[in-house]
Amino acid sequence: MAKTDTRRLVRPHLADVQTYKSIDPPEVLARRAGIPESKIVKLNGNENPYGPSPKAVEAVAGAPLHIYPDPQQRKMRQSLSEYTGLGAEHLIAGAGSDELIDLLFRLFIEPGDRILDFDPTFAMYAFCARVCGGDLTMLQRNELFEIDMETVRASIDDRAKIVFVSSPNNPTGNLLPDSQVKELLDTGLIVVVDEAYFEFCGHTVAELVPEYSNLVVLRTMSKWAGLAGLRVGYGIMSPDIVSHLMDIKSPYNVNVAGEAALLASLDDAPALLENVGKIVAERTRLQGILEEMPGITPWPSEGNFILCQMPDAAGAQRVYDELAGRGVFVRNFGSDRLQDCFRVAVGTPAETDAFVEALREVVR
């Protein structure tokens, strides 16, 4: 039987697409460090060290796994409405906010359309732009990792359709001022504000959604609610965009386990937000420790992570490698702007202590 050269059938822009740099699971990290999985300190994924609500775990265990979930997401959208204070018609759930990012590209972007993004930031926006065949324009943030609106306005042409911005920005931790959000909205482009770390700062632009039909706010249950492994997120946007996304999403995109966990987590939000308070307090403690360590510049953060800058790229890579050799895993990046940086997630006090002890040994 003759073999078919399937590569020639692949869409040309996907044949050698630049992939998203993901992180390895704990068991792989443990093997790499040569230590038991229970001994690693995993601070590379911005995960919640306190885990999910016990109510969410119980709900997942009792979920009717043999039944398809509601394609209209009625219970989820109503529960999210109560949590956000916005009508259910403004809400849609996704298999992680990553799915909603992908769906927004499918809805708005054709090959050749332009997407504005700001380096450094969350790499998923650029990845999805490459997959859909869009023309990505990566604008550089300034020396304080802030957005220059003059550069934005100069970059807009008839092909520009959508702009992505993370607030707090991952991995730099800074917020986008409301005034700049409104300036972006006034351009007429679709403006996607990713608020994955909203609960750690309490700042949102979601209240602008009823006023601006071109505003999309994304959030996730991964960080504050500890549901990273279930992939559950949601978007806040105009009912018109919600309707279009409901039309093109996979009918049963959020599975029954994810739905049960979301509902139980929102029901247990006060307890989960107490854990968020612990993480914010630990972020302050870690920031203070890092500020006293020679050769390290920690950037102020409104998320559950801190970006640490070293004197040079070689030093940052050495710290990353030697921490990994000690079973402590932080995040490094491919962005040219961040070659001299690594990002550390805020863990429990014990994880902070283990990280700091290892870091002191490395930088010494």
Protein backbone atom coordinates (compact mmCIF):
# COMPACT_ATOMS: atom_id res chain seq x y z
CA MET A 1 0.00 0.00 0.00
CA ALA A 2 1.38 3.40 -0.98
CA LYS A 3 1.97 5.85 1.82
CA THR A 4 0.31 9.25 1.58
CA ASP A 5 2.49 12.27 2.22
CA THR A 6 0.13 13.90 4.70
CA ARG A 7 2.51 16.83 5.27
CA ARG A 8 1.66 18.27 1.85
CA LEU A 9 -2.00 18.38 2.93
CA VAL A 10 -1.31 20.37 6.11
CA ARG A 11 -2.20 24.04 5.96
CA PRO A 12 1.14 25.75 5.11
CA HIS A 13 1.16 28.14 8.08
CA LEU A 14 0.73 25.19 10.47
CA ALA A 15 3.41 22.90 9.03
CA ASP A 16 6.11 24.31 11.31
CA VAL A 17 4.08 26.48 13.67
CA GLN A 18 5.86 27.84 16.75
CA THR A 19 4.25 26.01 19.66
CA TYR A 20 3.32 27.22 23.13
CA LYS A 21 6.02 26.56 25.72
CA SER A 22 4.17 24.54 28.35
CA ILE A 23 5.37 23.20 31.69
CA ASP A 24 5.98 19.56 32.55
CA PRO A 25 3.90 17.65 35.14
CA PRO A 26 5.26 17.00 38.67
CA GLU A 27 6.34 13.42 37.99
CA VAL A 28 8.51 14.51 35.07
CA LEU A 29 10.04 17.33 37.10
CA ALA A 30 10.79 14.92 39.94
CA ARG A 31 12.56 12.48 37.61
CA ARG A 32 14.57 15.33 36.14
CA ALA A 33 15.73 16.43 39.59
CA GLY A 34 16.29 12.86 40.74
CA ILE A 35 14.13 13.23 43.84
CA PRO A 36 10.73 11.90 44.96
CA GLU A 37 7.73 13.80 43.62
CA SER A 38 6.74 14.70 47.19
CA LYS A 39 10.02 16.62 47.59
CA ILE A 40 9.78 19.00 44.64
CA VAL A 41 8.75 22.62 45.07
CA LYS A 42 6.66 23.47 42.02
CA LEU A 43 6.44 27.23 41.57
CA ASN A 44 6.41 27.45 37.78
CA GLY A 45 2.69 27.33 36.93
CA ASN A 46 1.03 30.04 39.06
CA GLU A 47 -1.09 27.27 40.56
CA ASN A 48 -2.98 27.64 43.84
CA PRO A 49 -0.94 25.88 46.56
CA TYR A 50 -4.04 25.37 48.71
CA GLY A 51 -5.90 23.43 46.06
CA PRO A 52 -9.63 23.43 45.35
CA SER A 53 -12.55 23.76 47.71
CA PRO A 54 -13.42 20.48 49.47
CA LYS A 55 -16.95 21.15 48.27
CA ALA A 56 -15.66 21.13 44.69
CA VAL A 57 -13.87 17.82 45.23
CA GLU A 58 -17.06 16.32 46.68
CA ALA A 59 -19.13 17.71 43.82
CA VAL A 60 -16.83 16.21 41.20
CA ALA A 61 -16.93 12.83 42.93
CA GLY A 62 -20.72 12.88 42.80
CA ALA A 63 -21.12 14.35 39.32
CA PRO A 64 -23.27 12.39 36.81
CA LEU A 65 -20.37 11.53 34.52
CA HIS A 66 -22.58 9.43 32.23
CA ILE A 67 -24.72 12.43 31.25
CA TYR A 68 -23.75 15.14 28.75
CA PRO A 69 -23.49 18.63 30.26
CA ASP A 70 -25.98 21.39 29.45
CA PRO A 71 -24.83 22.96 26.16
CA GLN A 72 -26.54 26.23 27.15
CA GLN A 73 -24.61 26.32 30.46
CA ARG A 74 -27.72 27.54 32.32
CA LYS A 75 -26.59 26.74 35.88
CA MET A 76 -23.03 27.93 35.30
CA ARG A 77 -24.07 31.21 33.71
CA GLN A 78 -26.58 31.92 36.47
CA SER A 79 -24.05 31.16 39.19
CA LEU A 80 -21.44 33.30 37.46
CA SER A 81 -24.02 36.07 37.19
CA GLU A 82 -24.47 36.04 40.96
CA TYR A 83 -20.69 36.06 41.48
CA THR A 84 -19.91 38.85 39.01
CA GLY A 85 -23.01 40.98 39.41
CA LEU A 86 -23.64 40.97 35.65
CA GLY A 87 -26.55 39.38 33.81
CA ALA A 88 -26.25 35.80 32.56
CA GLU A 89 -26.63 37.10 29.01
CA HIS A 90 -23.14 38.64 29.39
CA LEU A 91 -21.50 35.37 30.41
CA ILE A 92 -20.13 32.24 28.78
CA ALA A 93 -18.05 29.42 30.26
CA GLY A 94 -15.16 27.71 28.54
CA ALA A 95 -12.83 24.76 28.93
CA GLY A 96 -10.37 27.16 30.53
CA SER A 97 -10.12 30.76 29.39
CA ASP A 98 -7.69 29.36 26.78
CA GLU A 99 -10.67 27.90 24.90
CA LEU A 100 -12.38 31.28 24.89
CA ILE A 101 -9.22 32.90 23.50
CA ASP A 102 -9.25 30.34 20.69
CA LEU A 103 -12.96 30.89 20.05
CA LEU A 104 -12.49 34.66 19.84
CA PHE A 105 -9.86 34.14 17.16
CA ARG A 106 -12.19 31.79 15.28
CA LEU A 107 -14.99 34.35 15.46
CA PHE A 108 -13.11 37.48 14.47
CA ILE A 109 -9.87 36.61 12.66
CA GLU A 110 -9.33 35.48 9.08
CA PRO A 111 -5.88 34.87 7.57
CA GLY A 112 -4.29 38.25 7.03
CA ASP A 113 -6.26 40.06 9.75
CA ARG A 114 -4.06 41.79 12.31
CA ILE A 115 -3.85 41.15 16.04
CA LEU A 116 -2.14 43.56 18.43
CA ASP A 117 -0.27 42.06 21.38
CA PHE A 118 2.20 43.48 23.90
CA ASP A 119 5.54 41.89 24.72
CA PRO A 120 6.16 40.54 27.29
CA THR A 121 2.83 38.93 28.15
CA PHE A 122 0.94 35.63 28.23
CA ALA A 123 2.14 33.63 25.23
CA MET A 124 -1.24 32.03 24.45
CA TYR A 125 -2.47 35.11 22.55
CA ALA A 126 0.43 34.96 20.09
CA PHE A 127 0.15 31.17 19.82
CA CYS A 128 -3.54 31.33 18.88
CA ALA A 129 -2.80 34.12 16.41
CA ARG A 130 -0.23 31.90 14.69
CA VAL A 131 -2.61 28.93 14.59
CA CYS A 132 -5.43 30.93 12.99
CA GLY A 133 -3.12 32.46 10.39
CA GLY A 134 -3.53 36.01 11.61
CA ASP A 135 -0.90 38.70 11.21
CA LEU A 136 0.50 39.25 14.71
CA THR A 137 1.88 42.68 15.55
CA MET A 138 3.89 42.42 18.76
CA LEU A 139 4.27 45.86 20.33
CA GLN A 140 6.96 46.32 22.96
CA ARG A 141 6.05 47.48 26.44
CA ASN A 142 8.20 50.29 27.84
CA GLU A 143 10.92 49.98 30.47
CA LEU A 144 8.25 49.72 33.19
CA PHE A 145 6.34 47.08 31.19
CA GLU A 146 3.57 49.57 30.48
CA ILE A 147 1.71 50.11 27.18
CA ASP A 148 2.45 53.14 25.01
CA MET A 149 -0.85 54.31 23.54
CA GLU A 150 0.80 56.43 20.84
CA THR A 151 2.47 53.29 19.49
CA VAL A 152 -0.86 51.48 19.62
CA ARG A 153 -2.68 54.15 17.64
CA ALA A 154 0.12 54.29 15.07
CA SER A 155 -0.15 50.52 14.58
CA ILE A 156 -3.86 50.43 13.76
CA ASP A 157 -4.93 50.07 10.15
CA ASP A 158 -7.91 48.63 8.26
CA ARG A 159 -6.70 45.06 8.85
CA ALA A 160 -6.42 45.42 12.64
CA LYS A 161 -9.31 43.71 14.42
CA ILE A 162 -8.44 42.66 17.95
CA VAL A 163 -6.10 43.61 20.79
CA PHE A 164 -5.19 41.39 23.73
CA VAL A 165 -3.98 42.71 27.06
CA SER A 166 -3.51 40.94 30.37
CA SER A 167 -4.25 42.81 33.62
CA PRO A 168 -2.51 42.07 35.93
CA ASN A 169 -0.07 41.24 33.19
CA ASN A 170 1.50 37.81 33.24
CA PRO A 171 4.45 37.62 33.88
CA THR A 172 5.22 41.23 34.87
CA GLY A 173 2.42 41.64 37.43
CA ASN A 174 1.36 45.22 36.62
CA LEU A 175 -2.18 46.48 36.02
CA LEU A 176 -3.52 48.23 32.94
CA PRO A 177 -5.00 51.60 34.00
CA ASP A 178 -8.72 52.06 33.36
CA SER A 179 -7.93 55.15 31.31
CA GLN A 180 -5.88 53.07 28.86
CA VAL A 181 -8.60 50.43 28.65
CA LYS A 182 -11.03 53.14 27.58
CA GLU A 183 -8.51 54.52 25.07
CA LEU A 184 -8.16 51.05 23.57
CA LEU A 185 -11.93 50.64 23.43
CA ASP A 186 -12.28 53.99 21.66
CA THR A 187 -10.19 52.62 18.77
CA GLY A 188 -13.17 50.44 17.81
CA LEU A 189 -11.14 47.22 17.91
CA ILE A 190 -12.25 44.20 19.90
CA VAL A 191 -10.41 44.66 23.21
CA VAL A 192 -9.81 41.49 25.23
CA VAL A 193 -8.75 42.16 28.82
CA ASP A 194 -7.54 38.96 30.47
CA GLU A 195 -8.25 39.16 34.20
CA ALA A 196 -6.97 35.70 35.12
CA TYR A 197 -5.55 37.12 38.37
CA PHE A 198 -8.52 39.36 39.25
CA GLU A 199 -9.08 37.89 42.71
CA PHE A 200 -5.49 38.63 43.76
CA CYS A 201 -5.84 42.36 43.08
CA GLY A 202 -9.58 43.09 43.18
CA HIS A 203 -9.35 45.39 40.16
CA THR A 204 -11.63 44.82 37.18
CA VAL A 205 -13.06 46.57 34.14
CA ALA A 206 -16.00 44.19 33.90
CA GLU A 207 -18.40 46.97 34.85
CA LEU A 208 -17.61 48.59 31.49
CA VAL A 209 -18.98 45.64 29.50
CA PRO A 210 -22.60 46.91 29.32
CA GLU A 211 -21.28 50.25 28.04
CA TYR A 212 -18.77 48.94 25.47
CA SER A 213 -19.92 46.26 23.04
CA ASN A 214 -16.30 45.69 21.91
CA LEU A 215 -14.99 44.79 25.39
CA VAL A 216 -14.33 41.17 26.36
CA VAL A 217 -13.16 40.29 29.88
CA LEU A 218 -11.70 36.83 30.48
CA ARG A 219 -11.32 35.09 33.82
CA THR A 220 -10.35 31.64 35.03
CA MET A 221 -11.13 29.29 37.89
CA SER A 222 -7.58 27.89 37.71
CA LYS A 223 -5.84 30.37 39.96
CA TRP A 224 -8.06 31.59 42.78
CA ALA A 225 -10.30 28.49 42.91
CA GLY A 226 -7.56 25.89 42.42
CA LEU A 227 -9.18 24.20 39.41
CA ALA A 228 -6.24 24.34 36.98
CA GLY A 229 -6.47 20.60 36.32
CA LEU A 230 -10.12 20.78 35.30
CA ARG A 231 -9.75 23.64 32.78
CA VAL A 232 -12.67 25.93 33.60
CA GLY A 233 -12.87 29.62 32.75
CA TYR A 234 -15.41 32.19 31.69
CA GLY A 235 -15.85 35.37 29.70
CA ILE A 236 -17.80 38.57 30.30
CA MET A 237 -18.89 40.39 27.14
CA SER A 238 -21.81 41.76 25.16
CA PRO A 239 -24.79 39.42 24.67
CA ASP A 240 -24.17 39.61 20.92
CA ILE A 241 -20.62 38.21 21.21
CA VAL A 242 -21.83 35.63 23.73
CA SER A 243 -24.46 34.49 21.24
CA HIS A 244 -21.89 34.09 18.46
CA LEU A 245 -19.51 32.15 20.72
CA MET A 246 -22.32 29.89 21.90
CA ASP A 247 -23.03 29.14 18.25
CA ILE A 248 -19.48 28.12 17.37
CA LYS A 249 -18.25 26.46 20.57
CA SER A 250 -18.24 22.70 20.97
CA PRO A 251 -21.73 21.91 22.32
CA TYR A 252 -20.50 20.23 25.49
CA ASN A 253 -17.29 22.19 25.94
CA VAL A 254 -17.22 22.34 29.75
CA ASN A 255 -17.52 18.78 30.98
CA VAL A 256 -19.76 17.64 33.83
CA ALA A 257 -16.87 17.48 36.31
CA GLY A 258 -15.80 21.02 35.43
CA GLU A 259 -19.36 22.30 35.73
CA ALA A 260 -19.82 20.66 39.14
CA ALA A 261 -16.52 22.10 40.39
CA LEU A 262 -17.34 25.61 39.16
CA LEU A 263 -20.75 25.62 40.83
CA ALA A 264 -19.40 24.27 44.11
CA SER A 265 -16.46 26.67 44.07
CA LEU A 266 -18.65 29.72 43.58
CA ASP A 267 -20.86 28.46 46.40
CA ASP A 268 -17.74 28.23 48.57
CA ALA A 269 -16.23 31.51 47.34
CA PRO A 270 -15.77 33.07 50.83
CA ALA A 271 -13.54 30.21 51.94
CA LEU A 272 -11.59 30.23 48.68
CA LEU A 273 -11.06 33.97 48.96
CA GLU A 274 -9.59 33.42 52.44
CA ASN A 275 -6.92 31.32 50.71
CA VAL A 276 -6.44 34.12 48.20
CA GLY A 277 -5.79 36.42 51.16
CA LYS A 278 -3.11 34.02 52.42
CA ILE A 279 -1.43 34.06 49.01
CA VAL A 280 -1.50 37.86 48.84
CA ALA A 281 0.05 38.07 52.31
CA GLU A 282 2.73 35.57 51.29
CA ARG A 283 3.38 37.56 48.13
CA THR A 284 4.14 40.60 50.30
CA ARG A 285 6.49 38.55 52.48
CA LEU A 286 8.30 37.05 49.51
CA GLN A 287 8.61 40.44 47.83
CA GLY A 288 10.30 41.83 50.94
CA ILE A 289 12.75 38.92 51.13
CA LEU A 290 13.67 39.21 47.47
CA GLU A 291 14.22 42.95 47.71
CA GLU A 292 16.95 42.31 50.28
CA MET A 293 18.79 39.73 48.18
CA PRO A 294 21.76 41.11 46.22
CA GLY A 295 21.63 40.78 42.45
CA ILE A 296 17.87 40.22 42.25
CA THR A 297 15.28 42.83 41.31
CA PRO A 298 11.72 41.68 42.05
CA TRP A 299 9.06 43.57 40.13
CA PRO A 300 5.94 44.63 42.09
CA SER A 301 3.09 42.25 41.32
CA GLU A 302 -0.70 42.24 41.58
CA GLY A 303 -0.89 38.54 40.69
CA ASN A 304 0.08 35.35 42.52
CA PHE A 305 3.62 35.45 41.16
CA ILE A 306 6.69 37.71 41.12
CA LEU A 307 8.97 38.42 38.17
CA CYS A 308 12.62 38.44 39.25
CA GLN A 309 15.24 40.21 37.16
CA MET A 310 18.92 39.27 37.24
CA PRO A 311 21.92 41.34 36.08
CA ASP A 312 22.18 39.32 32.84
CA ALA A 313 20.70 36.42 30.89
CA ALA A 314 23.48 34.01 31.83
CA GLY A 315 22.84 34.61 35.51
CA ALA A 316 19.11 34.08 35.13
CA GLN A 317 19.64 30.81 33.26
CA ARG A 318 22.11 29.60 35.88
CA VAL A 319 19.64 30.34 38.68
CA TYR A 320 16.87 28.55 36.80
CA ASP A 321 19.03 25.48 36.15
CA GLU A 322 20.52 25.24 39.63
CA LEU A 323 17.16 25.69 41.33
CA ALA A 324 15.79 22.87 39.17
CA GLY A 325 18.74 20.72 40.20
CA ARG A 326 17.65 21.25 43.79
CA GLY A 327 14.06 20.30 43.02
CA VAL A 328 12.76 23.89 42.98
CA PHE A 329 11.03 24.80 39.72
CA VAL A 330 10.41 28.36 38.55
CA ARG A 331 9.50 29.67 35.09
CA ASN A 332 11.75 31.11 32.40
CA PHE A 333 10.67 32.59 29.08
CA GLY A 334 11.58 32.72 25.42
CA SER A 335 10.86 36.44 25.10
CA ASP A 336 13.94 38.53 24.33
CA ARG A 337 12.77 41.03 26.93
CA LEU A 338 12.85 38.39 29.67
CA GLN A 339 16.14 36.61 29.02
CA ASP A 340 17.48 38.02 32.29
CA CYS A 341 14.38 37.10 34.30
CA PHE A 342 12.58 34.22 35.92
CA ARG A 343 9.09 34.12 37.44
CA VAL A 344 8.23 32.47 40.74
CA ALA A 345 4.70 31.64 41.83
CA VAL A 346 3.65 32.42 45.38
CA GLY A 347 3.29 29.20 47.33
CA THR A 348 2.68 28.31 50.94
CA PRO A 349 4.99 29.75 53.61
CA ALA A 350 6.87 26.44 53.65
CA GLU A 351 7.32 26.55 49.87
CA THR A 352 8.52 30.14 50.09
CA ASP A 353 11.07 29.15 52.70
CA ALA A 354 12.32 26.24 50.58
CA PHE A 355 12.59 28.47 47.50
CA VAL A 356 14.40 31.23 49.38
CA GLU A 357 16.85 28.79 50.97
CA ALA A 358 17.68 27.26 47.58
CA LEU A 359 17.91 30.67 45.92
CA ARG A 360 20.33 31.95 48.54
CA GLU A 361 22.55 28.94 47.98
CA VAL A 362 22.51 29.54 44.22
CA VAL A 363 23.16 33.28 44.23
CA ARG A 364 25.81 32.94 46.92
